[in-house]
Amino acid sequence: MTAVSAQRYETAEEWLLVLEQADRRELSVRPRPLLEREPLKVWQTLAMASLLLNLVLLYWLMHH
């Protein structure tokens, strides 16, 4: 691995400024909601939770 002088920062302040600007840019970007990223998994999970709840209620109704 070799250092390339064109890729170096001249001062530590310049390096810190670039780091601070990168931090601000990342904070302004909102992550996409889970429903947008993985809609199929969301609906599969909701369907499974609904099925389990219905089975529990059915069991409860049959034994009371």
PDB file of N, CA and C in Angstrom:
ATOM      1  N   MET A   1       0.849  -1.165   0.000  1.00  0.00           N
ATOM      2  CA  MET A   1       0.000   0.000   0.000  1.00  0.00           C
ATOM      3  C   MET A   1       0.895   1.228   0.000  1.00  0.00           C
ATOM      4  N   THR A   2       0.646   2.141  -0.911  1.00  0.00           N
ATOM      5  CA  THR A   2       1.464   3.347  -0.980  1.00  0.00           C
ATOM      6  C   THR A   2       0.588   4.575  -0.829  1.00  0.00           C
ATOM      7  N   ALA A   3       1.174   5.622  -0.301  1.00  0.00           N
ATOM      8  CA  ALA A   3       0.455   6.886  -0.131  1.00  0.00           C
ATOM      9  C   ALA A   3       0.567   7.700  -1.408  1.00  0.00           C
ATOM     10  N   VAL A   4      -0.542   8.219  -1.862  1.00  0.00           N
ATOM     11  CA  VAL A   4      -0.560   9.063  -3.048  1.00  0.00           C
ATOM     12  C   VAL A   4      -0.742  10.493  -2.565  1.00  0.00           C
ATOM     13  N   SER A   5       0.215  11.354  -2.877  1.00  0.00           N
ATOM     14  CA  SER A   5       0.184  12.712  -2.346  1.00  0.00           C
ATOM     15  C   SER A   5      -1.023  13.505  -2.838  1.00  0.00           C
ATOM     16  N   ALA A   6      -1.554  13.184  -4.012  1.00  0.00           N
ATOM     17  CA  ALA A   6      -2.713  13.911  -4.527  1.00  0.00           C
ATOM     18  C   ALA A   6      -3.971  13.600  -3.719  1.00  0.00           C
ATOM     19  N   GLN A   7      -3.989  12.447  -3.040  1.00  0.00           N
ATOM     20  CA  GLN A   7      -5.160  12.061  -2.261  1.00  0.00           C
ATOM     21  C   GLN A   7      -5.057  12.493  -0.802  1.00  0.00           C
ATOM     22  N   ARG A   8      -3.963  13.092  -0.403  1.00  0.00           N
ATOM     23  CA  ARG A   8      -3.776  13.505   0.983  1.00  0.00           C
ATOM     24  C   ARG A   8      -4.371  14.879   1.228  1.00  0.00           C
ATOM     25  N   TYR A   9      -4.733  15.125   2.466  1.00  0.00           N
ATOM     26  CA  TYR A   9      -5.181  16.456   2.881  1.00  0.00           C
ATOM     27  C   TYR A   9      -3.962  17.248   3.330  1.00  0.00           C
ATOM     28  N   GLU A  10      -3.968  18.540   3.027  1.00  0.00           N
ATOM     29  CA  GLU A  10      -2.813  19.364   3.385  1.00  0.00           C
ATOM     30  C   GLU A  10      -2.755  19.638   4.878  1.00  0.00           C
ATOM     31  N   THR A  11      -3.926  19.782   5.506  1.00  0.00           N
ATOM     32  CA  THR A  11      -3.945  20.074   6.945  1.00  0.00           C
ATOM     33  C   THR A  11      -4.955  19.173   7.629  1.00  0.00           C
ATOM     34  N   ALA A  12      -4.796  19.057   8.934  1.00  0.00           N
ATOM     35  CA  ALA A  12      -5.749  18.277   9.722  1.00  0.00           C
ATOM     36  C   ALA A  12      -7.117  18.955   9.729  1.00  0.00           C
ATOM     37  N   GLU A  13      -7.126  20.286   9.677  1.00  0.00           N
ATOM     38  CA  GLU A  13      -8.394  21.019   9.665  1.00  0.00           C
ATOM     39  C   GLU A  13      -9.200  20.704   8.412  1.00  0.00           C
ATOM     40  N   GLU A  14      -8.510  20.583   7.289  1.00  0.00           N
ATOM     41  CA  GLU A  14      -9.189  20.238   6.035  1.00  0.00           C
ATOM     42  C   GLU A  14      -9.823  18.851   6.141  1.00  0.00           C
ATOM     43  N   TRP A  15      -9.107  17.927   6.731  1.00  0.00           N
ATOM     44  CA  TRP A  15      -9.599  16.566   6.926  1.00  0.00           C
ATOM     45  C   TRP A  15     -10.814  16.559   7.847  1.00  0.00           C
ATOM     46  N   LEU A  16     -10.741  17.310   8.950  1.00  0.00           N
ATOM     47  CA  LEU A  16     -11.865  17.381   9.881  1.00  0.00           C
ATOM     48  C   LEU A  16     -13.091  18.017   9.231  1.00  0.00           C
ATOM     49  N   LEU A  17     -12.877  19.038   8.413  1.00  0.00           N
ATOM     50  CA  LEU A  17     -13.988  19.686   7.726  1.00  0.00           C
ATOM     51  C   LEU A  17     -14.708  18.697   6.807  1.00  0.00           C
ATOM     52  N   VAL A  18     -13.948  17.906   6.082  1.00  0.00           N
ATOM     53  CA  VAL A  18     -14.552  16.900   5.192  1.00  0.00           C
ATOM     54  C   VAL A  18     -15.330  15.872   6.011  1.00  0.00           C
ATOM     55  N   LEU A  19     -14.783  15.449   7.143  1.00  0.00           N
ATOM     56  CA  LEU A  19     -15.485  14.492   8.002  1.00  0.00           C
ATOM     57  C   LEU A  19     -16.786  15.075   8.535  1.00  0.00           C
ATOM     58  N   GLU A  20     -16.758  16.325   8.980  1.00  0.00           N
ATOM     59  CA  GLU A  20     -17.963  16.955   9.516  1.00  0.00           C
ATOM     60  C   GLU A  20     -19.031  17.113   8.439  1.00  0.00           C
ATOM     61  N   GLN A  21     -18.633  17.464   7.233  1.00  0.00           N
ATOM     62  CA  GLN A  21     -19.601  17.612   6.145  1.00  0.00           C
ATOM     63  C   GLN A  21     -20.230  16.263   5.800  1.00  0.00           C
ATOM     64  N   ALA A  22     -19.443  15.212   5.843  1.00  0.00           N
ATOM     65  CA  ALA A  22     -19.975  13.876   5.558  1.00  0.00           C
ATOM     66  C   ALA A  22     -20.972  13.465   6.631  1.00  0.00           C
ATOM     67  N   ASP A  23     -20.693  13.795   7.892  1.00  0.00           N
ATOM     68  CA  ASP A  23     -21.623  13.471   8.973  1.00  0.00           C
ATOM     69  C   ASP A  23     -22.960  14.165   8.769  1.00  0.00           C
ATOM     70  N   ARG A  24     -22.936  15.407   8.373  1.00  0.00           N
ATOM     71  CA  ARG A  24     -24.182  16.158   8.166  1.00  0.00           C
ATOM     72  C   ARG A  24     -24.979  15.593   6.997  1.00  0.00           C
ATOM     73  N   ARG A  25     -24.299  15.199   5.951  1.00  0.00           N
ATOM     74  CA  ARG A  25     -25.010  14.646   4.795  1.00  0.00           C
ATOM     75  C   ARG A  25     -25.706  13.349   5.158  1.00  0.00           C
ATOM     76  N   GLU A  26     -25.056  12.500   5.927  1.00  0.00           N
ATOM     77  CA  GLU A  26     -25.661  11.225   6.284  1.00  0.00           C
ATOM     78  C   GLU A  26     -26.861  11.407   7.192  1.00  0.00           C
ATOM     79  N   LEU A  27     -26.836  12.413   8.067  1.00  0.00           N
ATOM     80  CA  LEU A  27     -27.956  12.639   8.963  1.00  0.00           C
ATOM     81  C   LEU A  27     -29.184  13.146   8.222  1.00  0.00           C
ATOM     82  N   SER A  28     -28.992  13.874   7.143  1.00  0.00           N
ATOM     83  CA  SER A  28     -30.133  14.436   6.423  1.00  0.00           C
ATOM     84  C   SER A  28     -30.855  13.389   5.580  1.00  0.00           C
ATOM     85  N   VAL A  29     -30.223  12.276   5.301  1.00  0.00           N
ATOM     86  CA  VAL A  29     -30.837  11.222   4.498  1.00  0.00           C
ATOM     87  C   VAL A  29     -31.634  10.307   5.423  1.00  0.00           C
ATOM     88  N   ARG A  30     -32.959  10.280   5.206  1.00  0.00           N
ATOM     89  CA  ARG A  30     -33.810   9.425   6.032  1.00  0.00           C
ATOM     90  C   ARG A  30     -33.828   8.012   5.461  1.00  0.00           C
ATOM     91  N   PRO A  31     -33.716   7.026   6.315  1.00  0.00           N
ATOM     92  CA  PRO A  31     -33.838   5.655   5.807  1.00  0.00           C
ATOM     93  C   PRO A  31     -35.276   5.389   5.358  1.00  0.00           C
ATOM     94  N   ARG A  32     -35.419   4.549   4.351  1.00  0.00           N
ATOM     95  CA  ARG A  32     -36.755   4.220   3.859  1.00  0.00           C
ATOM     96  C   ARG A  32     -37.482   3.363   4.888  1.00  0.00           C
ATOM     97  N   PRO A  33     -38.788   3.541   5.024  1.00  0.00           N
ATOM     98  CA  PRO A  33     -39.556   2.718   5.963  1.00  0.00           C
ATOM     99  C   PRO A  33     -39.491   1.237   5.578  1.00  0.00           C
ATOM    100  N   LEU A  34     -39.662   0.392   6.577  1.00  0.00           N
ATOM    101  CA  LEU A  34     -39.599  -1.054   6.364  1.00  0.00           C
ATOM    102  C   LEU A  34     -40.639  -1.510   5.342  1.00  0.00           C
ATOM    103  N   LEU A  35     -41.819  -0.914   5.371  1.00  0.00           N
ATOM    104  CA  LEU A  35     -42.868  -1.305   4.424  1.00  0.00           C
ATOM    105  C   LEU A  35     -42.462  -1.026   2.982  1.00  0.00           C
ATOM    106  N   GLU A  36     -41.662   0.013   2.756  1.00  0.00           N
ATOM    107  CA  GLU A  36     -41.168   0.294   1.400  1.00  0.00           C
ATOM    108  C   GLU A  36     -40.023  -0.636   1.018  1.00  0.00           C
ATOM    109  N   ARG A  37     -39.149  -0.948   1.996  1.00  0.00           N
ATOM    110  CA  ARG A  37     -37.985  -1.780   1.695  1.00  0.00           C
ATOM    111  C   ARG A  37     -38.350  -3.242   1.524  1.00  0.00           C
ATOM    112  N   GLU A  38     -39.201  -3.770   2.403  1.00  0.00           N
ATOM    113  CA  GLU A  38     -39.535  -5.202   2.403  1.00  0.00           C
ATOM    114  C   GLU A  38     -41.047  -5.403   2.542  1.00  0.00           C
ATOM    115  N   PRO A  39     -41.836  -4.996   1.550  1.00  0.00           N
ATOM    116  CA  PRO A  39     -43.295  -5.107   1.715  1.00  0.00           C
ATOM    117  C   PRO A  39     -43.780  -6.549   1.873  1.00  0.00           C
ATOM    118  N   LEU A  40     -43.182  -7.476   1.158  1.00  0.00           N
ATOM    119  CA  LEU A  40     -43.624  -8.869   1.240  1.00  0.00           C
ATOM    120  C   LEU A  40     -43.393  -9.433   2.638  1.00  0.00           C
ATOM    121  N   LYS A  41     -42.233  -9.181   3.209  1.00  0.00           N
ATOM    122  CA  LYS A  41     -41.939  -9.682   4.555  1.00  0.00           C
ATOM    123  C   LYS A  41     -42.865  -9.067   5.595  1.00  0.00           C
ATOM    124  N   VAL A  42     -43.188  -7.783   5.423  1.00  0.00           N
ATOM    125  CA  VAL A  42     -44.097  -7.123   6.370  1.00  0.00           C
ATOM    126  C   VAL A  42     -45.459  -7.803   6.336  1.00  0.00           C
ATOM    127  N   TRP A  43     -46.007  -8.002   5.139  1.00  0.00           N
ATOM    128  CA  TRP A  43     -47.331  -8.603   5.035  1.00  0.00           C
ATOM    129  C   TRP A  43     -47.324 -10.070   5.459  1.00  0.00           C
ATOM    130  N   GLN A  44     -46.249 -10.793   5.179  1.00  0.00           N
ATOM    131  CA  GLN A  44     -46.160 -12.182   5.633  1.00  0.00           C
ATOM    132  C   GLN A  44     -46.132 -12.249   7.154  1.00  0.00           C
ATOM    133  N   THR A  45     -45.401 -11.343   7.777  1.00  0.00           N
ATOM    134  CA  THR A  45     -45.324 -11.311   9.238  1.00  0.00           C
ATOM    135  C   THR A  45     -46.676 -10.963   9.844  1.00  0.00           C
ATOM    136  N   LEU A  46     -47.354  -9.973   9.269  1.00  0.00           N
ATOM    137  CA  LEU A  46     -48.682  -9.609   9.777  1.00  0.00           C
ATOM    138  C   LEU A  46     -49.675 -10.759   9.605  1.00  0.00           C
ATOM    139  N   ALA A  47     -49.617 -11.443   8.483  1.00  0.00           N
ATOM    140  CA  ALA A  47     -50.517 -12.571   8.248  1.00  0.00           C
ATOM    141  C   ALA A  47     -50.238 -13.701   9.238  1.00  0.00           C
ATOM    142  N   MET A  48     -48.970 -13.973   9.506  1.00  0.00           N
ATOM    143  CA  MET A  48     -48.619 -15.030  10.452  1.00  0.00           C
ATOM    144  C   MET A  48     -49.067 -14.662  11.867  1.00  0.00           C
ATOM    145  N   ALA A  49     -48.875 -13.414  12.255  1.00  0.00           N
ATOM    146  CA  ALA A  49     -49.307 -12.969  13.585  1.00  0.00           C
ATOM    147  C   ALA A  49     -50.823 -13.073  13.710  1.00  0.00           C
ATOM    148  N   SER A  50     -51.539 -12.706  12.658  1.00  0.00           N
ATOM    149  CA  SER A  50     -52.995 -12.806  12.664  1.00  0.00           C
ATOM    150  C   SER A  50     -53.444 -14.263  12.768  1.00  0.00           C
ATOM    151  N   LEU A  51     -52.796 -15.145  12.026  1.00  0.00           N
ATOM    152  CA  LEU A  51     -53.125 -16.568  12.084  1.00  0.00           C
ATOM    153  C   LEU A  51     -52.896 -17.128  13.483  1.00  0.00           C
ATOM    154  N   LEU A  52     -51.757 -16.799  14.077  1.00  0.00           N
ATOM    155  CA  LEU A  52     -51.466 -17.292  15.426  1.00  0.00           C
ATOM    156  C   LEU A  52     -52.470 -16.763  16.442  1.00  0.00           C
ATOM    157  N   LEU A  53     -52.825 -15.508  16.340  1.00  0.00           N
ATOM    158  CA  LEU A  53     -53.810 -14.930  17.254  1.00  0.00           C
ATOM    159  C   LEU A  53     -55.160 -15.618  17.090  1.00  0.00           C
ATOM    160  N   ASN A  54     -55.555 -15.878  15.852  1.00  0.00           N
ATOM    161  CA  ASN A  54     -56.823 -16.567  15.613  1.00  0.00           C
ATOM    162  C   ASN A  54     -56.800 -17.987  16.161  1.00  0.00           C
ATOM    163  N   LEU A  55     -55.688 -18.678  16.041  1.00  0.00           N
ATOM    164  CA  LEU A  55     -55.589 -20.033  16.596  1.00  0.00           C
ATOM    165  C   LEU A  55     -55.666 -20.019  18.117  1.00  0.00           C
ATOM    166  N   VAL A  56     -55.030 -19.059  18.738  1.00  0.00           N
ATOM    167  CA  VAL A  56     -55.099 -18.932  20.204  1.00  0.00           C
ATOM    168  C   VAL A  56     -56.530 -18.641  20.637  1.00  0.00           C
ATOM    169  N   LEU A  57     -57.202 -17.740  19.948  1.00  0.00           N
ATOM    170  CA  LEU A  57     -58.591 -17.424  20.293  1.00  0.00           C
ATOM    171  C   LEU A  57     -59.508 -18.621  20.063  1.00  0.00           C
ATOM    172  N   LEU A  58     -59.293 -19.360  18.999  1.00  0.00           N
ATOM    173  CA  LEU A  58     -60.092 -20.557  18.730  1.00  0.00           C
ATOM    174  C   LEU A  58     -59.895 -21.587  19.832  1.00  0.00           C
ATOM    175  N   TYR A  59     -58.661 -21.810  20.239  1.00  0.00           N
ATOM    176  CA  TYR A  59     -58.366 -22.735  21.337  1.00  0.00           C
ATOM    177  C   TYR A  59     -59.064 -22.280  22.614  1.00  0.00           C
ATOM    178  N   TRP A  60     -58.996 -20.983  22.884  1.00  0.00           N
ATOM    179  CA  TRP A  60     -59.609 -20.435  24.099  1.00  0.00           C
ATOM    180  C   TRP A  60     -61.129 -20.621  24.064  1.00  0.00           C
ATOM    181  N   LEU A  61     -61.749 -20.384  22.892  1.00  0.00           N
ATOM    182  CA  LEU A  61     -63.198 -20.547  22.768  1.00  0.00           C
ATOM    183  C   LEU A  61     -63.623 -22.001  22.924  1.00  0.00           C
ATOM    184  N   MET A  62     -62.840 -22.923  22.410  1.00  0.00           N
ATOM    185  CA  MET A  62     -63.195 -24.344  22.470  1.00  0.00           C
ATOM    186  C   MET A  62     -63.082 -24.914  23.882  1.00  0.00           C
ATOM    187  N   HIS A  63     -62.256 -24.325  24.714  1.00  0.00           N
ATOM    188  CA  HIS A  63     -62.018 -24.870  26.051  1.00  0.00           C
ATOM    189  C   HIS A  63     -62.670 -24.046  27.154  1.00  0.00           C
ATOM    190  N   HIS A  64     -63.578 -23.157  26.812  1.00  0.00           N
ATOM    191  CA  HIS A  64     -64.313 -22.411  27.845  1.00  0.00           C
ATOM    192  C   HIS A  64     -65.787 -22.626  27.715  1.00  0.00           C
TER     193      HIS A  64
END
